[in-house]
PDB file of all heavy atoms in Angstrom:
ATOM      1  N   PRO A   1      72.156 -31.247-292.282  1.00  0.00           N
ATOM      2  CA  PRO A   1      70.858 -31.934-292.298  1.00  0.00           C
ATOM      3  C   PRO A   1      69.998 -31.557-291.104  1.00  0.00           C
ATOM      4  O   PRO A   1      70.430 -31.687-289.941  1.00  0.00           O
ATOM      5  CB  PRO A   1      71.256 -33.417-292.268  1.00  0.00           C
ATOM      6  CG  PRO A   1      72.626 -33.460-292.856  1.00  0.00           C
ATOM      7  CD  PRO A   1      73.288 -32.198-292.435  1.00  0.00           C
ATOM      8  N   ARG A   2      68.762 -31.120-291.347  1.00  0.00           N
ATOM      9  CA  ARG A   2      67.936 -30.534-290.302  1.00  0.00           C
ATOM     10  C   ARG A   2      67.565 -31.532-289.208  1.00  0.00           C
ATOM     11  O   ARG A   2      67.641 -31.213-288.013  1.00  0.00           O
ATOM     12  CB  ARG A   2      66.660 -29.958-290.928  1.00  0.00           C
ATOM     13  CG  ARG A   2      66.889 -28.738-291.803  1.00  0.00           C
ATOM     14  CD  ARG A   2      65.574 -28.216-292.356  1.00  0.00           C
ATOM     15  NE  ARG A   2      64.639 -27.842-291.304  1.00  0.00           N
ATOM     16  CZ  ARG A   2      64.608 -26.648-290.724  1.00  0.00           C
ATOM     17  NH1 ARG A   2      65.476 -25.713-291.083  1.00  0.00           N
ATOM     18  NH2 ARG A   2      63.725 -26.378-289.788  1.00  0.00           N
ATOM     19  N   ALA A   3      67.132 -32.736-289.579  1.00  0.00           N
ATOM     20  CA  ALA A   3      66.648 -33.690-288.567  1.00  0.00           C
ATOM     21  C   ALA A   3      67.756 -34.073-287.598  1.00  0.00           C
ATOM     22  O   ALA A   3      67.569 -34.096-286.371  1.00  0.00           O
ATOM     23  CB  ALA A   3      66.088 -34.933-289.251  1.00  0.00           C
ATOM     24  N   GLU A   4      68.930 -34.366-288.148  1.00  0.00           N
ATOM     25  CA  GLU A   4      70.054 -34.756-287.297  1.00  0.00           C
ATOM     26  C   GLU A   4      70.487 -33.612-286.390  1.00  0.00           C
ATOM     27  O   GLU A   4      70.760 -33.811-285.198  1.00  0.00           O
ATOM     28  CB  GLU A   4      71.232 -35.215-288.160  1.00  0.00           C
ATOM     29  CG  GLU A   4      71.027 -36.545-288.857  1.00  0.00           C
ATOM     30  CD  GLU A   4      70.273 -36.397-290.180  1.00  0.00           C
ATOM     31  OE1 GLU A   4      69.721 -35.287-290.439  1.00  0.00           O
ATOM     32  OE2 GLU A   4      70.230 -37.371-290.948  1.00  0.00           O
ATOM     33  N   VAL A   5      70.558 -32.404-286.958  1.00  0.00           N
ATOM     34  CA  VAL A   5      70.955 -31.238-286.174  1.00  0.00           C
ATOM     35  C   VAL A   5      69.964 -30.970-285.048  1.00  0.00           C
ATOM     36  O   VAL A   5      70.344 -30.685-283.900  1.00  0.00           O
ATOM     37  CB  VAL A   5      71.096 -30.006-287.086  1.00  0.00           C
ATOM     38  CG1 VAL A   5      71.177 -28.724-286.259  1.00  0.00           C
ATOM     39  CG2 VAL A   5      72.334 -30.129-287.961  1.00  0.00           C
ATOM     40  N   ALA A   6      68.677 -31.088-285.343  1.00  0.00           N
ATOM     41  CA  ALA A   6      67.646 -30.846-284.328  1.00  0.00           C
ATOM     42  C   ALA A   6      67.763 -31.858-283.183  1.00  0.00           C
ATOM     43  O   ALA A   6      67.643 -31.495-282.007  1.00  0.00           O
ATOM     44  CB  ALA A   6      66.261 -30.906-284.957  1.00  0.00           C
ATOM     45  N   LEU A   7      67.985 -33.115-283.525  1.00  0.00           N
ATOM     46  CA  LEU A   7      68.116 -34.148-282.488  1.00  0.00           C
ATOM     47  C   LEU A   7      69.329 -33.885-281.610  1.00  0.00           C
ATOM     48  O   LEU A   7      69.239 -33.955-280.371  1.00  0.00           O
ATOM     49  CB  LEU A   7      68.225 -35.526-283.135  1.00  0.00           C
ATOM     50  CG  LEU A   7      68.450 -36.704-282.175  1.00  0.00           C
ATOM     51  CD1 LEU A   7      67.290 -36.841-281.204  1.00  0.00           C
ATOM     52  CD2 LEU A   7      68.664 -38.003-282.961  1.00  0.00           C
ATOM     53  N   LEU A   8      70.460 -33.562-282.224  1.00  0.00           N
ATOM     54  CA  LEU A   8      71.672 -33.302-281.450  1.00  0.00           C
ATOM     55  C   LEU A   8      71.504 -32.076-280.569  1.00  0.00           C
ATOM     56  O   LEU A   8      71.929 -32.079-279.396  1.00  0.00           O
ATOM     57  CB  LEU A   8      72.867 -33.125-282.393  1.00  0.00           C
ATOM     58  CG  LEU A   8      73.270 -34.364-283.201  1.00  0.00           C
ATOM     59  CD1 LEU A   8      74.370 -34.004-284.202  1.00  0.00           C
ATOM     60  CD2 LEU A   8      73.737 -35.480-282.281  1.00  0.00           C
ATOM     61  N   ALA A   9      70.891 -31.025-281.101  1.00  0.00           N
ATOM     62  CA  ALA A   9      70.672 -29.819-280.303  1.00  0.00           C
ATOM     63  C   ALA A   9      69.778 -30.122-279.099  1.00  0.00           C
ATOM     64  O   ALA A   9      70.016 -29.617-277.990  1.00  0.00           O
ATOM     65  CB  ALA A   9      70.046 -28.728-281.166  1.00  0.00           C
ATOM     66  N   PHE A  10      68.774 -30.964-279.301  1.00  0.00           N
ATOM     67  CA  PHE A  10      67.870 -31.321-278.199  1.00  0.00           C
ATOM     68  C   PHE A  10      68.618 -32.095-277.113  1.00  0.00           C
ATOM     69  O   PHE A  10      68.484 -31.798-275.913  1.00  0.00           O
ATOM     70  CB  PHE A  10      66.705 -32.163-278.727  1.00  0.00           C
ATOM     71  CG  PHE A  10      65.840 -32.721-277.625  1.00  0.00           C
ATOM     72  CD1 PHE A  10      64.931 -31.905-276.964  1.00  0.00           C
ATOM     73  CD2 PHE A  10      65.956 -34.044-277.246  1.00  0.00           C
ATOM     74  CE1 PHE A  10      64.151 -32.415-275.932  1.00  0.00           C
ATOM     75  CE2 PHE A  10      65.175 -34.564-276.230  1.00  0.00           C
ATOM     76  CZ  PHE A  10      64.275 -33.742-275.568  1.00  0.00           C
ATOM     77  N   ILE A  11      69.433 -33.076-277.519  1.00  0.00           N
ATOM     78  CA  ILE A  11      70.160 -33.893-276.530  1.00  0.00           C
ATOM     79  C   ILE A  11      71.121 -33.037-275.719  1.00  0.00           C
ATOM     80  O   ILE A  11      71.162 -33.115-274.487  1.00  0.00           O
ATOM     81  CB  ILE A  11      70.909 -35.036-277.231  1.00  0.00           C
ATOM     82  CG1 ILE A  11      69.915 -36.039-277.833  1.00  0.00           C
ATOM     83  CG2 ILE A  11      71.838 -35.753-276.244  1.00  0.00           C
ATOM     84  CD1 ILE A  11      70.562 -37.090-278.705  1.00  0.00           C
ATOM     85  N   VAL A  12      71.889 -32.221-276.426  1.00  0.00           N
ATOM     86  CA  VAL A  12      72.878 -31.397-275.724  1.00  0.00           C
ATOM     87  C   VAL A  12      72.183 -30.383-274.818  1.00  0.00           C
ATOM     88  O   VAL A  12      72.534 -30.219-273.649  1.00  0.00           O
ATOM     89  CB  VAL A  12      73.806 -30.684-276.725  1.00  0.00           C
ATOM     90  CG1 VAL A  12      74.792 -29.771-275.985  1.00  0.00           C
ATOM     91  CG2 VAL A  12      74.572 -31.704-277.558  1.00  0.00           C
ATOM     92  N   GLY A  13      71.178 -29.715-275.363  1.00  0.00           N
ATOM     93  CA  GLY A  13      70.480 -28.696-274.580  1.00  0.00           C
ATOM     94  C   GLY A  13      69.754 -29.259-273.378  1.00  0.00           C
ATOM     95  O   GLY A  13      69.774 -28.679-272.289  1.00  0.00           O
ATOM     96  N   ALA A  14      69.116 -30.426-273.555  1.00  0.00           N
ATOM     97  CA  ALA A  14      68.352 -31.026-272.464  1.00  0.00           C
ATOM     98  C   ALA A  14      69.251 -31.485-271.327  1.00  0.00           C
ATOM     99  O   ALA A  14      68.792 -31.626-270.186  1.00  0.00           O
ATOM    100  CB  ALA A  14      67.536 -32.208-272.987  1.00  0.00           C
ATOM    101  N   GLY A  15      70.536 -31.737-271.617  1.00  0.00           N
ATOM    102  CA  GLY A  15      71.429 -32.234-270.575  1.00  0.00           C
ATOM    103  C   GLY A  15      72.102 -31.166-269.742  1.00  0.00           C
ATOM    104  O   GLY A  15      72.708 -31.473-268.705  1.00  0.00           O
ATOM    105  N   ILE A  16      72.015 -29.899-270.156  1.00  0.00           N
ATOM    106  CA  ILE A  16      72.756 -28.846-269.465  1.00  0.00           C
ATOM    107  C   ILE A  16      72.330 -28.714-268.008  1.00  0.00           C
ATOM    108  O   ILE A  16      73.164 -28.747-267.087  1.00  0.00           O
ATOM    109  CB  ILE A  16      72.613 -27.504-270.204  1.00  0.00           C
ATOM    110  CG1 ILE A  16      73.306 -27.580-271.573  1.00  0.00           C
ATOM    111  CG2 ILE A  16      73.203 -26.368-269.374  1.00  0.00           C
ATOM    112  CD1 ILE A  16      73.109 -26.354-272.441  1.00  0.00           C
ATOM    113  N   ALA A  17      71.047 -28.561-267.774  1.00  0.00           N
ATOM    114  CA  ALA A  17      70.567 -28.385-266.398  1.00  0.00           C
ATOM    115  C   ALA A  17      70.797 -29.629-265.537  1.00  0.00           C
ATOM    116  O   ALA A  17      71.277 -29.509-264.398  1.00  0.00           O
ATOM    117  CB  ALA A  17      69.090 -27.985-266.408  1.00  0.00           C
ATOM    118  N   PRO A  18      70.476 -30.847-266.026  1.00  0.00           N
ATOM    119  CA  PRO A  18      70.728 -32.030-265.187  1.00  0.00           C
ATOM    120  C   PRO A  18      72.189 -32.210-264.797  1.00  0.00           C
ATOM    121  O   PRO A  18      72.492 -32.550-263.653  1.00  0.00           O
ATOM    122  CB  PRO A  18      70.245 -33.194-266.062  1.00  0.00           C
ATOM    123  CG  PRO A  18      69.229 -32.591-266.969  1.00  0.00           C
ATOM    124  CD  PRO A  18      69.719 -31.198-267.233  1.00  0.00           C
ATOM    125  N   GLN A  19      73.114 -31.967-265.724  1.00  0.00           N
ATOM    126  CA  GLN A  19      74.522 -32.170-265.354  1.00  0.00           C
ATOM    127  C   GLN A  19      74.979 -31.116-264.357  1.00  0.00           C
ATOM    128  O   GLN A  19      75.786 -31.410-263.461  1.00  0.00           O
ATOM    129  CB  GLN A  19      75.418 -32.220-266.594  1.00  0.00           C
ATOM    130  CG  GLN A  19      75.726 -30.912-267.273  1.00  0.00           C
ATOM    131  CD  GLN A  19      76.981 -30.227-266.729  1.00  0.00           C
ATOM    132  OE1 GLN A  19      77.834 -30.855-266.129  1.00  0.00           O
ATOM    133  NE2 GLN A  19      77.075 -28.927-266.936  1.00  0.00           N
ATOM    134  N   LEU A  20      74.461 -29.916-264.444  1.00  0.00           N
ATOM    135  CA  LEU A  20      74.783 -28.905-263.444  1.00  0.00           C
ATOM    136  C   LEU A  20      74.229 -29.299-262.080  1.00  0.00           C
ATOM    137  O   LEU A  20      74.874 -29.103-261.045  1.00  0.00           O
ATOM    138  CB  LEU A  20      74.218 -27.541-263.855  1.00  0.00           C
ATOM    139  CG  LEU A  20      75.065 -26.697-264.804  1.00  0.00           C
ATOM    140  CD1 LEU A  20      74.308 -25.452-265.236  1.00  0.00           C
ATOM    141  CD2 LEU A  20      76.383 -26.304-264.160  1.00  0.00           C
ATOM    142  N   PHE A  21      73.027 -29.867-262.075  1.00  0.00           N
ATOM    143  CA  PHE A  21      72.421 -30.310-260.818  1.00  0.00           C
ATOM    144  C   PHE A  21      73.233 -31.445-260.198  1.00  0.00           C
ATOM    145  O   PHE A  21      73.483 -31.459-258.993  1.00  0.00           O
ATOM    146  CB  PHE A  21      70.982 -30.766-261.072  1.00  0.00           C
ATOM    147  CG  PHE A  21      70.311 -31.345-259.858  1.00  0.00           C
ATOM    148  CD1 PHE A  21      69.813 -30.515-258.869  1.00  0.00           C
ATOM    149  CD2 PHE A  21      70.193 -32.725-259.696  1.00  0.00           C
ATOM    150  CE1 PHE A  21      69.207 -31.047-257.731  1.00  0.00           C
ATOM    151  CE2 PHE A  21      69.591 -33.266-258.576  1.00  0.00           C
ATOM    152  CZ  PHE A  21      69.091 -32.418-257.587  1.00  0.00           C
ATOM    153  N   ILE A  22      73.664 -32.389-261.035  1.00  0.00           N
ATOM    154  CA  ILE A  22      74.442 -33.527-260.547  1.00  0.00           C
ATOM    155  C   ILE A  22      75.785 -33.076-259.982  1.00  0.00           C
ATOM    156  O   ILE A  22      76.220 -33.524-258.917  1.00  0.00           O
ATOM    157  CB  ILE A  22      74.652 -34.556-261.680  1.00  0.00           C
ATOM    158  CG1 ILE A  22      73.309 -35.200-262.068  1.00  0.00           C
ATOM    159  CG2 ILE A  22      75.650 -35.628-261.271  1.00  0.00           C
ATOM    160  CD1 ILE A  22      73.365 -35.979-263.366  1.00  0.00           C
ATOM    161  N   GLU A  23      76.457 -32.190-260.701  1.00  0.00           N
ATOM    162  CA  GLU A  23      77.799 -31.776-260.302  1.00  0.00           C
ATOM    163  C   GLU A  23      77.794 -30.719-259.208  1.00  0.00           C
ATOM    164  O   GLU A  23      78.764 -30.589-258.472  1.00  0.00           O
ATOM    165  CB  GLU A  23      78.562 -31.229-261.521  1.00  0.00           C
ATOM    166  CG  GLU A  23      78.726 -32.226-262.648  1.00  0.00           C
ATOM    167  CD  GLU A  23      79.596 -33.411-262.264  1.00  0.00           C
ATOM    168  OE1 GLU A  23      80.428 -33.268-261.344  1.00  0.00           O
ATOM    169  OE2 GLU A  23      79.436 -34.479-262.874  1.00  0.00           O
ATOM    170  N   GLY A  24      76.713 -29.963-259.102  1.00  0.00           N
ATOM    171  CA  GLY A  24      76.650 -28.881-258.130  1.00  0.00           C
ATOM    172  C   GLY A  24      77.006 -27.550-258.763  1.00  0.00           C
ATOM    173  O   GLY A  24      77.915 -27.468-259.590  1.00  0.00           O
ATOM    174  N   LEU A  25      76.291 -26.509-258.358  1.00  0.00           N
ATOM    175  CA  LEU A  25      76.482 -25.200-258.971  1.00  0.00           C
ATOM    176  C   LEU A  25      77.814 -24.563-258.603  1.00  0.00           C
ATOM    177  O   LEU A  25      78.204 -23.558-259.186  1.00  0.00           O
ATOM    178  CB  LEU A  25      75.326 -24.273-258.573  1.00  0.00           C
ATOM    179  CG  LEU A  25      73.940 -24.715-259.061  1.00  0.00           C
ATOM    180  CD1 LEU A  25      72.883 -23.698-258.604  1.00  0.00           C
ATOM    181  CD2 LEU A  25      73.907 -24.865-260.578  1.00  0.00           C
ATOM    182  N   ALA A  26      78.522 -25.132-257.637  1.00  0.00           N
ATOM    183  CA  ALA A  26      79.832 -24.589-257.258  1.00  0.00           C
ATOM    184  C   ALA A  26      80.966 -25.150-258.101  1.00  0.00           C
ATOM    185  O   ALA A  26      82.116 -24.736-257.948  1.00  0.00           O
ATOM    186  CB  ALA A  26      80.111 -24.872-255.786  1.00  0.00           C
ATOM    187  N   SER A  27      80.664 -26.073-259.014  1.00  0.00           N
ATOM    188  CA  SER A  27      81.703 -26.705-259.831  1.00  0.00           C
ATOM    189  C   SER A  27      82.034 -25.846-261.047  1.00  0.00           C
ATOM    190  O   SER A  27      81.213 -25.716-261.959  1.00  0.00           O
ATOM    191  CB  SER A  27      81.254 -28.101-260.279  1.00  0.00           C
ATOM    192  OG  SER A  27      82.153 -28.623-261.229  1.00  0.00           O
TER     193      SER A  27
END
C-alpha cells in the first residue's frame, strides 16, 4: 500500500541523521 509505505519510509529516513547526531559519529 502506497500511503503506508510512504509514511514509514519518511519516518525511518528522517530519523537517520538525528540518531547519528545523538549517538555521535564515532559510534
